Amino acid sequence: MAVIAQNPQCRLCAIADPSEAAQVLAKEHDVAWFATLDALLAAASPDGVILATPNALHVPQALQCIEAGVPVLVEKPIAHTVADAHLLVQATQATQAKVLIGHHRAHSPIMREAKAVIEAGRLGQLVSVMGSAIFYKPDRYFSEAPWRREVGGGPVLINLIHEIHNLRMLCGEMTEVQAMTSNVIRGFAVEDTASITFRFASGVLASFMLSDTAASARSWEQTSQENKAYANYGDEDCYVIAGTMGSLAVPTMRLKTYGHPEDRSWFKPFDCSAVDLQRDDPLKLQMDHFLDVVQGHAEPLVSAQDGLQNLLVVEAIAQASASQQTVRLGMTHRTTSAMSLRDTANRPACTNR
């Protein structure tokens, strides 16, 4: 709502949420309130809808918007099951609906510049990625929402899906996954730490360390400086992307390259520099992009198919950890087990241009 209020190209026209608190919020912001999305679509005539509802509602509510001919921004994850995600992808393709999935980091200037460095060939042929999302969630995070201690509440399902989309943007599609998980620190029914290896179609290998119980600053939130709610450490990185000609550390954007392909050696010094970067709020940029999608000026940067692919990788990680075997991504298309992914946001909003 704050992002909408700051954008001169749109205005908030209604909120749909059955809670009393939402009714009070709508009154405070002088917008219409509806108990259901059905009522909102029937009465408010929105130009676009933002679905920030519980994950199990993402697909049925997105299908309602598609049927009403209303463009929709669906908060990540696209669905709580792979089967539901397939339904939304099929409906989007069949109707050419305007559906944007809310993997907001895709709109980050950091990701844009990192992708540009890779595509310009400054790193040579990509070889490997070392990534991390290791941070410490306080005890109240779990006491306020006990479901986070149970299956469906661990960092693989809540946090890693952001990293998966980032890595896919930078390195292409993933084809194989290996994973090990542990719950030895917190002792919950769900993991608190995971070590994951990805193989990409290009041959790139990535190793990723994930933990919500490690006292570290090596996470996107603590290094990107994009969300001021988190303490930030400008000297830390969460990804190192290495190729045959050099490496890029993200998000400090420190670049180390060799000057000539015939003069490469670990005995030789790198040319060291930093990529220029103008930071901005990816949520604001995502809203700008959604308005372009609504008006037909752009195709969704993160499509329903992208959302499905991210969910398939998450499922492959769960399978790989449980079986202690390599899981090929093609195998996961046949599975429809519930993922129980959860998001903390809980209400849809609608916008008018």
Protein backbone atom coordinates (compact mmCIF):
# COMPACT_ATOMS: atom_id res chain seq x y z
CA MET A 1 0.00 0.00 0.00
CA ALA A 2 2.88 2.36 0.74
CA VAL A 3 4.41 1.68 -2.68
CA ILE A 4 1.08 2.34 -4.38
CA ALA A 5 0.68 5.60 -2.45
CA GLN A 6 4.09 6.78 -3.67
CA ASN A 7 3.33 6.03 -7.33
CA PRO A 8 1.63 8.86 -9.29
CA GLN A 9 0.52 6.43 -12.00
CA CYS A 10 -1.93 4.48 -9.85
CA ARG A 11 -4.13 4.67 -6.79
CA LEU A 12 -5.46 2.16 -4.31
CA CYS A 13 -9.19 1.76 -4.86
CA ALA A 14 -10.18 -1.17 -2.63
CA ILE A 15 -9.09 -3.87 -0.17
CA ALA A 16 -10.59 -7.34 0.04
CA ASP A 17 -10.00 -9.11 3.36
CA PRO A 18 -12.57 -10.68 5.71
CA SER A 19 -10.85 -9.46 8.88
CA GLU A 20 -12.10 -6.59 11.01
CA ALA A 21 -8.60 -5.09 11.01
CA ALA A 22 -8.70 -4.82 7.21
CA GLN A 23 -12.04 -3.03 7.39
CA VAL A 24 -10.50 -0.49 9.77
CA LEU A 25 -7.46 -0.14 7.51
CA ALA A 26 -9.62 0.54 4.47
CA LYS A 27 -11.50 3.24 6.38
CA GLU A 28 -8.23 4.86 7.47
CA HIS A 29 -7.08 5.02 3.85
CA ASP A 30 -10.49 6.08 2.53
CA VAL A 31 -10.85 3.15 0.15
CA ALA A 32 -13.62 0.62 -0.40
CA TRP A 33 -13.59 -2.55 1.69
CA PHE A 34 -14.91 -5.95 0.63
CA ALA A 35 -15.03 -9.22 2.53
CA THR A 36 -14.27 -11.28 -0.59
CA LEU A 37 -12.41 -10.97 -3.86
CA ASP A 38 -15.65 -11.84 -5.68
CA ALA A 39 -17.31 -8.76 -4.25
CA LEU A 40 -14.33 -6.56 -5.06
CA LEU A 41 -14.19 -7.69 -8.70
CA ALA A 42 -17.93 -7.19 -9.09
CA ALA A 43 -18.10 -3.71 -7.59
CA ALA A 44 -14.74 -1.96 -7.83
CA SER A 45 -13.86 -2.45 -11.53
CA PRO A 46 -10.11 -2.50 -10.82
CA ASP A 47 -7.48 -2.13 -13.53
CA GLY A 48 -5.24 -4.56 -11.64
CA VAL A 49 -5.23 -6.75 -8.54
CA ILE A 50 -2.38 -7.61 -6.17
CA LEU A 51 -2.84 -10.97 -4.47
CA ALA A 52 -0.95 -11.03 -1.16
CA THR A 53 -3.13 -13.76 0.29
CA PRO A 54 -2.26 -17.14 1.88
CA ASN A 55 -0.49 -19.40 -0.60
CA ALA A 56 -3.33 -21.87 -0.98
CA LEU A 57 -5.50 -19.03 -2.32
CA HIS A 58 -3.06 -17.76 -4.93
CA VAL A 59 -4.20 -19.95 -7.80
CA PRO A 60 -8.00 -19.95 -7.26
CA GLN A 61 -7.99 -16.18 -6.79
CA ALA A 62 -5.69 -15.61 -9.77
CA LEU A 63 -8.08 -17.70 -11.86
CA GLN A 64 -10.92 -15.43 -10.70
CA CYS A 65 -8.97 -12.41 -11.89
CA ILE A 66 -8.22 -14.06 -15.23
CA GLU A 67 -11.91 -14.89 -15.71
CA ALA A 68 -12.77 -11.25 -14.93
CA GLY A 69 -10.16 -10.05 -17.42
CA VAL A 70 -8.16 -8.23 -14.74
CA PRO A 71 -4.32 -8.24 -14.74
CA VAL A 72 -2.92 -9.72 -11.54
CA LEU A 73 0.30 -9.58 -9.52
CA VAL A 74 0.52 -12.85 -7.56
CA GLU A 75 2.80 -12.80 -4.52
CA LYS A 76 5.39 -15.57 -4.45
CA PRO A 77 5.23 -18.53 -4.39
CA ILE A 78 2.94 -18.98 -7.35
CA ALA A 79 1.11 -21.78 -5.52
CA HIS A 80 1.34 -24.14 -2.57
CA THR A 81 1.43 -27.20 -4.84
CA VAL A 82 3.04 -27.91 -8.19
CA ALA A 83 -0.29 -29.21 -9.50
CA ASP A 84 -2.01 -25.89 -8.73
CA ALA A 85 0.86 -23.98 -10.31
CA HIS A 86 0.38 -25.99 -13.51
CA LEU A 87 -3.29 -24.99 -13.57
CA LEU A 88 -2.42 -21.30 -13.42
CA VAL A 89 0.25 -21.63 -16.11
CA GLN A 90 -2.20 -23.42 -18.40
CA ALA A 91 -4.92 -20.81 -17.83
CA THR A 92 -2.45 -17.96 -18.41
CA GLN A 93 -1.23 -19.45 -21.67
CA ALA A 94 -4.73 -20.33 -22.90
CA THR A 95 -6.10 -16.83 -22.34
CA GLN A 96 -2.93 -14.75 -22.82
CA ALA A 97 -3.73 -13.29 -19.39
CA LYS A 98 -1.53 -10.65 -17.79
CA VAL A 99 -0.06 -12.46 -14.79
CA LEU A 100 3.06 -11.27 -12.95
CA ILE A 101 4.58 -13.39 -10.16
CA GLY A 102 5.97 -11.40 -7.23
CA HIS A 103 9.61 -12.49 -7.18
CA HIS A 104 10.53 -8.88 -6.53
CA ARG A 105 14.31 -9.32 -6.62
CA ALA A 106 14.00 -9.80 -10.38
CA HIS A 107 13.47 -6.02 -10.50
CA SER A 108 16.54 -5.22 -8.39
CA PRO A 109 19.20 -3.00 -10.02
CA ILE A 110 21.76 -5.35 -8.45
CA MET A 111 20.40 -8.29 -10.42
CA ARG A 112 20.14 -6.20 -13.59
CA GLU A 113 23.79 -5.16 -13.41
CA ALA A 114 25.05 -8.62 -12.47
CA LYS A 115 23.16 -10.11 -15.40
CA ALA A 116 24.61 -7.44 -17.71
CA VAL A 117 28.17 -8.27 -16.62
CA ILE A 118 27.60 -11.96 -17.38
CA GLU A 119 25.88 -11.35 -20.72
CA ALA A 120 28.65 -8.98 -21.82
CA GLY A 121 31.12 -11.85 -21.41
CA ARG A 122 33.25 -10.04 -18.85
CA LEU A 123 33.55 -13.23 -16.78
CA GLY A 124 34.19 -15.45 -19.80
CA GLN A 125 32.37 -18.78 -19.83
CA LEU A 126 30.60 -19.31 -16.50
CA VAL A 127 32.03 -22.09 -14.35
CA SER A 128 30.59 -21.92 -10.84
CA VAL A 129 28.59 -20.03 -8.25
CA MET A 130 29.07 -19.99 -4.48
CA GLY A 131 25.98 -18.69 -2.72
CA SER A 132 24.68 -18.23 0.79
CA ALA A 133 21.59 -17.18 2.68
CA ILE A 134 22.71 -17.61 6.27
CA PHE A 135 21.11 -15.47 8.96
CA TYR A 136 19.60 -15.77 12.44
CA LYS A 137 15.85 -15.64 12.96
CA PRO A 138 14.93 -14.66 16.55
CA ASP A 139 12.91 -16.97 18.77
CA ARG A 140 9.85 -14.74 18.51
CA TYR A 141 9.71 -15.47 14.78
CA PHE A 142 8.68 -19.01 15.69
CA SER A 143 6.61 -18.28 18.80
CA GLU A 144 4.48 -15.75 16.88
CA ALA A 145 3.70 -18.34 14.20
CA PRO A 146 4.23 -21.91 15.48
CA TRP A 147 3.56 -23.38 12.02
CA ARG A 148 7.06 -22.23 11.09
CA ARG A 149 8.43 -25.02 13.31
CA GLU A 150 6.60 -27.66 11.28
CA VAL A 151 7.01 -29.15 7.82
CA GLY A 152 6.31 -26.34 5.37
CA GLY A 153 7.82 -23.70 7.62
CA GLY A 154 11.55 -24.13 7.13
CA PRO A 155 13.93 -21.84 5.27
CA VAL A 156 14.01 -24.05 2.18
CA LEU A 157 10.34 -23.38 1.52
CA ILE A 158 10.11 -19.84 2.90
CA ASN A 159 13.41 -18.22 1.91
CA LEU A 160 15.26 -20.22 -0.71
CA ILE A 161 12.73 -19.68 -3.50
CA HIS A 162 14.05 -16.10 -3.80
CA GLU A 163 17.58 -17.42 -4.29
CA ILE A 164 16.43 -19.96 -6.86
CA HIS A 165 14.94 -17.26 -9.05
CA ASN A 166 18.10 -15.14 -8.71
CA LEU A 167 20.33 -18.04 -9.74
CA ARG A 168 18.07 -18.90 -12.68
CA MET A 169 18.25 -15.29 -13.85
CA LEU A 170 22.05 -15.32 -13.71
CA CYS A 171 22.90 -18.85 -14.87
CA GLY A 172 19.91 -20.27 -16.74
CA GLU A 173 17.82 -23.34 -16.02
CA MET A 174 18.72 -25.88 -13.34
CA THR A 175 18.76 -29.54 -14.35
CA GLU A 176 19.94 -31.47 -11.25
CA VAL A 177 19.83 -31.00 -7.49
CA GLN A 178 21.57 -32.61 -4.51
CA ALA A 179 20.79 -31.60 -0.93
CA MET A 180 21.45 -32.32 2.72
CA THR A 181 19.45 -30.77 5.57
CA SER A 182 19.80 -30.59 9.35
CA ASN A 183 17.62 -29.57 12.30
CA VAL A 184 20.26 -30.19 14.98
CA ILE A 185 20.30 -26.60 16.32
CA ARG A 186 16.63 -25.80 16.83
CA GLY A 187 15.37 -29.38 16.95
CA PHE A 188 12.14 -28.51 15.12
CA ALA A 189 10.33 -30.92 12.83
CA VAL A 190 11.58 -28.89 9.90
CA GLU A 191 15.15 -28.13 8.81
CA ASP A 192 17.06 -25.09 10.02
CA THR A 193 20.09 -25.59 7.75
CA ALA A 194 20.63 -26.95 4.24
CA SER A 195 23.55 -27.50 1.91
CA ILE A 196 22.51 -27.68 -1.75
CA THR A 197 24.28 -28.32 -5.05
CA PHE A 198 22.78 -27.31 -8.39
CA ARG A 199 23.76 -28.28 -11.93
CA PHE A 200 22.62 -25.93 -14.70
CA ALA A 201 21.89 -26.82 -18.32
CA SER A 202 24.99 -24.83 -19.31
CA GLY A 203 27.19 -27.06 -17.15
CA VAL A 204 27.63 -24.45 -14.40
CA LEU A 205 27.75 -25.88 -10.88
CA ALA A 206 26.53 -23.97 -7.84
CA SER A 207 26.92 -24.69 -4.15
CA PHE A 208 24.52 -22.96 -1.77
CA MET A 209 24.46 -22.79 2.02
CA LEU A 210 21.18 -21.91 3.71
CA SER A 211 20.47 -21.48 7.41
CA ASP A 212 18.11 -19.45 9.59
CA THR A 213 20.05 -20.26 12.75
CA ALA A 214 23.56 -19.12 11.79
CA ALA A 215 24.78 -15.78 13.16
CA SER A 216 26.02 -14.40 9.86
CA ALA A 217 25.47 -11.41 7.60
CA ARG A 218 25.83 -13.33 4.34
CA SER A 219 22.26 -13.04 3.15
CA TRP A 220 20.61 -10.90 0.48
CA GLU A 221 18.64 -8.90 3.03
CA GLN A 222 21.73 -8.03 5.07
CA THR A 223 23.99 -7.20 2.12
CA SER A 224 21.82 -5.67 -0.62
CA GLN A 225 20.83 -2.51 1.33
CA GLU A 226 17.41 -2.72 -0.36
CA ASN A 227 15.26 -3.26 2.73
CA LYS A 228 16.03 -0.78 5.49
CA ALA A 229 14.34 -2.99 8.10
CA TYR A 230 17.49 -5.14 8.17
CA ALA A 231 20.94 -4.23 9.43
CA ASN A 232 23.20 -3.89 6.40
CA TYR A 233 26.86 -4.76 5.88
CA GLY A 234 28.26 -3.18 2.75
CA ASP A 235 31.46 -5.22 2.82
CA GLU A 236 29.72 -8.62 2.70
CA ASP A 237 28.57 -10.66 -0.30
CA CYS A 238 26.11 -13.49 -0.70
CA TYR A 239 27.10 -14.70 -4.20
CA VAL A 240 30.41 -15.15 -5.99
CA ILE A 241 30.00 -15.93 -9.69
CA ALA A 242 33.14 -17.23 -11.39
CA GLY A 243 33.97 -17.73 -15.04
CA THR A 244 37.01 -18.49 -17.16
CA MET A 245 38.02 -14.81 -17.32
CA GLY A 246 37.03 -13.46 -13.91
CA SER A 247 34.61 -13.34 -11.02
CA LEU A 248 31.87 -11.06 -9.73
CA ALA A 249 30.92 -10.72 -6.05
CA VAL A 250 27.28 -9.79 -5.43
CA PRO A 251 26.01 -7.39 -4.14
CA THR A 252 29.24 -5.41 -3.58
CA MET A 253 29.74 -5.79 -7.36
CA ARG A 254 33.48 -6.24 -6.93
CA LEU A 255 34.89 -7.48 -10.20
CA LYS A 256 38.18 -9.35 -10.68
CA THR A 257 39.15 -10.11 -14.27
CA TYR A 258 42.13 -11.10 -16.37
CA GLY A 259 43.08 -8.68 -19.12
CA HIS A 260 43.86 -11.25 -21.81
CA PRO A 261 42.82 -14.90 -22.33
CA GLU A 262 46.40 -15.90 -23.13
CA ASP A 263 47.73 -14.47 -19.87
CA ARG A 264 45.61 -16.17 -17.19
CA SER A 265 47.13 -17.78 -14.14
CA TRP A 266 46.65 -17.84 -10.41
CA PHE A 267 50.17 -16.41 -10.26
CA LYS A 268 48.99 -13.32 -12.19
CA PRO A 269 47.21 -10.37 -10.54
CA PHE A 270 43.62 -9.55 -11.47
CA ASP A 271 42.37 -6.26 -12.80
CA CYS A 272 40.19 -5.18 -9.88
CA SER A 273 37.22 -2.84 -10.19
CA ALA A 274 33.63 -2.39 -9.08
CA VAL A 275 30.52 -2.19 -11.24
CA ASP A 276 28.69 1.13 -10.93
CA LEU A 277 25.34 0.67 -9.27
CA GLN A 278 22.40 2.94 -8.46
CA ARG A 279 20.40 1.13 -5.78
CA ASP A 280 16.64 1.35 -5.73
CA ASP A 281 13.69 -0.35 -4.04
CA PRO A 282 12.78 -3.45 -6.07
CA LEU A 283 9.21 -3.37 -4.72
CA LYS A 284 8.78 0.12 -6.19
CA LEU A 285 10.29 -1.02 -9.48
CA GLN A 286 8.06 -4.08 -9.48
CA MET A 287 5.01 -1.81 -9.14
CA ASP A 288 6.22 0.33 -12.06
CA HIS A 289 6.59 -2.83 -14.13
CA PHE A 290 3.17 -4.16 -13.12
CA LEU A 291 1.58 -0.92 -14.30
CA ASP A 292 3.35 -1.35 -17.65
CA VAL A 293 1.98 -4.90 -17.82
CA VAL A 294 -1.52 -3.67 -16.96
CA GLN A 295 -1.37 -1.09 -19.76
CA GLY A 296 0.03 -3.56 -22.28
CA HIS A 297 3.40 -1.83 -22.53
CA ALA A 298 5.42 -4.83 -21.27
CA GLU A 299 5.30 -8.60 -20.87
CA PRO A 300 5.67 -9.92 -17.29
CA LEU A 301 9.34 -10.07 -16.32
CA VAL A 302 8.48 -13.00 -14.01
CA SER A 303 5.88 -15.13 -15.76
CA ALA A 304 3.63 -17.83 -14.38
CA GLN A 305 5.97 -20.34 -16.03
CA ASP A 306 8.87 -18.81 -14.07
CA GLY A 307 6.90 -19.17 -10.85
CA LEU A 308 6.21 -22.82 -11.64
CA GLN A 309 9.85 -23.51 -12.45
CA ASN A 310 10.98 -22.01 -9.13
CA LEU A 311 8.48 -24.23 -7.31
CA LEU A 312 9.70 -27.30 -9.18
CA VAL A 313 13.26 -26.61 -7.99
CA VAL A 314 12.05 -26.25 -4.40
CA GLU A 315 10.29 -29.60 -4.72
CA ALA A 316 13.41 -31.19 -6.18
CA ILE A 317 15.41 -30.00 -3.15
CA ALA A 318 12.89 -31.62 -0.81
CA GLN A 319 13.07 -34.85 -2.79
CA ALA A 320 16.86 -34.83 -2.93
CA SER A 321 17.16 -34.27 0.81
CA ALA A 322 14.67 -37.03 1.63
CA SER A 323 16.20 -39.59 -0.76
CA GLN A 324 19.86 -38.52 -0.51
CA GLN A 325 19.98 -38.99 -4.26
CA THR A 326 20.47 -36.65 -7.19
CA VAL A 327 17.11 -35.42 -8.47
CA ARG A 328 16.71 -34.38 -12.09
CA LEU A 329 14.30 -31.52 -12.60
CA GLY A 330 12.36 -33.34 -15.32
CA MET A 331 11.36 -35.97 -12.76
CA THR A 332 9.59 -33.41 -10.58
CA HIS A 333 7.02 -32.57 -13.26
CA ARG A 334 5.21 -35.82 -12.43
CA THR A 335 4.78 -35.06 -8.74
CA THR A 336 1.93 -33.14 -7.16
CA SER A 337 2.70 -33.29 -3.46
CA ALA A 338 1.67 -30.30 -1.36
CA MET A 339 4.55 -27.96 -0.65
CA SER A 340 2.82 -25.97 2.11
CA LEU A 341 4.78 -22.87 1.17
CA ARG A 342 3.75 -19.87 3.21
CA ASP A 343 4.01 -16.13 2.93
CA THR A 344 3.50 -13.60 5.69
CA ALA A 345 1.33 -11.18 3.71
CA ASN A 346 -2.39 -11.81 3.96
CA ARG A 347 -4.54 -9.50 1.93
CA PRO A 348 -5.28 -8.63 -1.70
CA ALA A 349 -5.37 -5.08 -2.91
CA CYS A 350 -6.61 -3.62 -6.14
CA THR A 351 -5.23 -0.69 -8.05
CA ASN A 352 -6.58 1.71 -10.62
CA ARG A 353 -4.41 3.53 -13.13
